[in-house]
Amino acid sequence: MEESLLEMGTMLMIAGMGTVFAFLTILVGAMSLMATVVSRLQPAAPADEVTHEEVAAIAAAIRRHRQS
């Protein structure tokens, strides 16, 4: 018994879509794993405190911008 072209095309489509689905699933898993590893290895972010020097520099930059 010979398979029809429609059956062969359907099987090829299912195989192709399954391959793409498997690849994307592996890719998402690998990216999630990388994000977890990087977040553990990354140093802690510094505190969000603004120093007096930074305030003075920003004020000077604004003052200079308004003068020009």
C-alpha atoms as a PDB file:
ATOM      1  CA  MET A   1       0.000   0.000   0.000  1.00  0.00           C
ATOM      2  CA  GLU A   2       1.484   3.327  -1.090  1.00  0.00           C
ATOM      3  CA  GLU A   3       1.158   6.524   0.928  1.00  0.00           C
ATOM      4  CA  SER A   4      -0.480   9.456  -0.752  1.00  0.00           C
ATOM      5  CA  LEU A   5       1.301  12.748  -1.226  1.00  0.00           C
ATOM      6  CA  LEU A   6      -1.061  14.362   1.265  1.00  0.00           C
ATOM      7  CA  GLU A   7      -0.091  11.852   3.972  1.00  0.00           C
ATOM      8  CA  MET A   8       3.613  12.281   3.216  1.00  0.00           C
ATOM      9  CA  GLY A   9       3.274  16.060   3.332  1.00  0.00           C
ATOM     10  CA  THR A  10       1.428  15.878   6.631  1.00  0.00           C
ATOM     11  CA  MET A  11       4.085  13.646   8.152  1.00  0.00           C
ATOM     12  CA  LEU A  12       6.848  15.977   6.916  1.00  0.00           C
ATOM     13  CA  MET A  13       5.011  18.983   8.343  1.00  0.00           C
ATOM     14  CA  ILE A  14       4.581  17.271  11.731  1.00  0.00           C
ATOM     15  CA  ALA A  15       8.253  16.252  11.801  1.00  0.00           C
ATOM     16  CA  GLY A  16       9.374  19.784  10.903  1.00  0.00           C
ATOM     17  CA  MET A  17       7.128  21.473  13.441  1.00  0.00           C
ATOM     18  CA  GLY A  18       8.199  18.984  16.103  1.00  0.00           C
ATOM     19  CA  THR A  19      11.852  19.709  15.374  1.00  0.00           C
ATOM     20  CA  VAL A  20      11.319  23.471  15.617  1.00  0.00           C
ATOM     21  CA  PHE A  21       9.307  23.085  18.832  1.00  0.00           C
ATOM     22  CA  ALA A  22      12.013  20.914  20.399  1.00  0.00           C
ATOM     23  CA  PHE A  23      14.752  23.378  19.375  1.00  0.00           C
ATOM     24  CA  LEU A  24      12.861  26.374  20.763  1.00  0.00           C
ATOM     25  CA  THR A  25      12.124  24.529  24.004  1.00  0.00           C
ATOM     26  CA  ILE A  26      15.824  23.722  24.438  1.00  0.00           C
ATOM     27  CA  LEU A  27      16.733  27.328  23.572  1.00  0.00           C
ATOM     28  CA  VAL A  28      14.345  28.775  26.190  1.00  0.00           C
ATOM     29  CA  GLY A  29      15.671  26.346  28.795  1.00  0.00           C
ATOM     30  CA  ALA A  30      19.290  27.239  28.000  1.00  0.00           C
ATOM     31  CA  MET A  31      18.567  30.970  28.171  1.00  0.00           C
ATOM     32  CA  SER A  32      16.774  30.590  31.510  1.00  0.00           C
ATOM     33  CA  LEU A  33      19.710  28.613  32.874  1.00  0.00           C
ATOM     34  CA  MET A  34      22.155  31.266  31.645  1.00  0.00           C
ATOM     35  CA  ALA A  35      20.097  34.039  33.241  1.00  0.00           C
ATOM     36  CA  THR A  36      20.141  32.180  36.551  1.00  0.00           C
ATOM     37  CA  VAL A  37      23.911  31.625  36.392  1.00  0.00           C
ATOM     38  CA  VAL A  38      24.640  35.234  35.422  1.00  0.00           C
ATOM     39  CA  SER A  39      22.412  36.640  38.158  1.00  0.00           C
ATOM     40  CA  ARG A  40      24.278  34.550  40.754  1.00  0.00           C
ATOM     41  CA  LEU A  41      27.716  35.558  39.454  1.00  0.00           C
ATOM     42  CA  GLN A  42      26.908  39.241  39.031  1.00  0.00           C
ATOM     43  CA  PRO A  43      28.037  41.444  41.919  1.00  0.00           C
ATOM     44  CA  ALA A  44      25.383  43.141  43.990  1.00  0.00           C
ATOM     45  CA  ALA A  45      24.229  46.497  42.695  1.00  0.00           C
ATOM     46  CA  PRO A  46      25.469  49.500  44.639  1.00  0.00           C
ATOM     47  CA  ALA A  47      23.033  51.382  46.838  1.00  0.00           C
ATOM     48  CA  ASP A  48      20.919  54.005  45.094  1.00  0.00           C
ATOM     49  CA  GLU A  49      22.226  56.806  47.259  1.00  0.00           C
ATOM     50  CA  VAL A  50      23.249  60.025  45.511  1.00  0.00           C
ATOM     51  CA  THR A  51      26.440  61.624  46.797  1.00  0.00           C
ATOM     52  CA  HIS A  52      26.944  65.354  47.344  1.00  0.00           C
ATOM     53  CA  GLU A  53      29.491  65.393  44.521  1.00  0.00           C
ATOM     54  CA  GLU A  54      26.936  63.960  42.094  1.00  0.00           C
ATOM     55  CA  VAL A  55      24.328  66.532  43.129  1.00  0.00           C
ATOM     56  CA  ALA A  56      26.848  69.336  42.637  1.00  0.00           C
ATOM     57  CA  ALA A  57      27.859  68.011  39.206  1.00  0.00           C
ATOM     58  CA  ILE A  58      24.237  67.721  38.065  1.00  0.00           C
ATOM     59  CA  ALA A  59      23.415  71.213  39.345  1.00  0.00           C
ATOM     60  CA  ALA A  60      26.454  72.645  37.540  1.00  0.00           C
ATOM     61  CA  ALA A  61      25.479  70.888  34.311  1.00  0.00           C
ATOM     62  CA  ILE A  62      21.913  72.230  34.502  1.00  0.00           C
ATOM     63  CA  ARG A  63      23.154  75.733  35.271  1.00  0.00           C
ATOM     64  CA  ARG A  64      25.562  75.617  32.317  1.00  0.00           C
ATOM     65  CA  HIS A  65      22.868  74.261  29.988  1.00  0.00           C
ATOM     66  CA  ARG A  66      20.466  77.049  30.928  1.00  0.00           C
ATOM     67  CA  GLN A  67      23.133  79.695  30.297  1.00  0.00           C
ATOM     68  CA  SER A  68      23.811  78.528  26.745  1.00  0.00           C
END
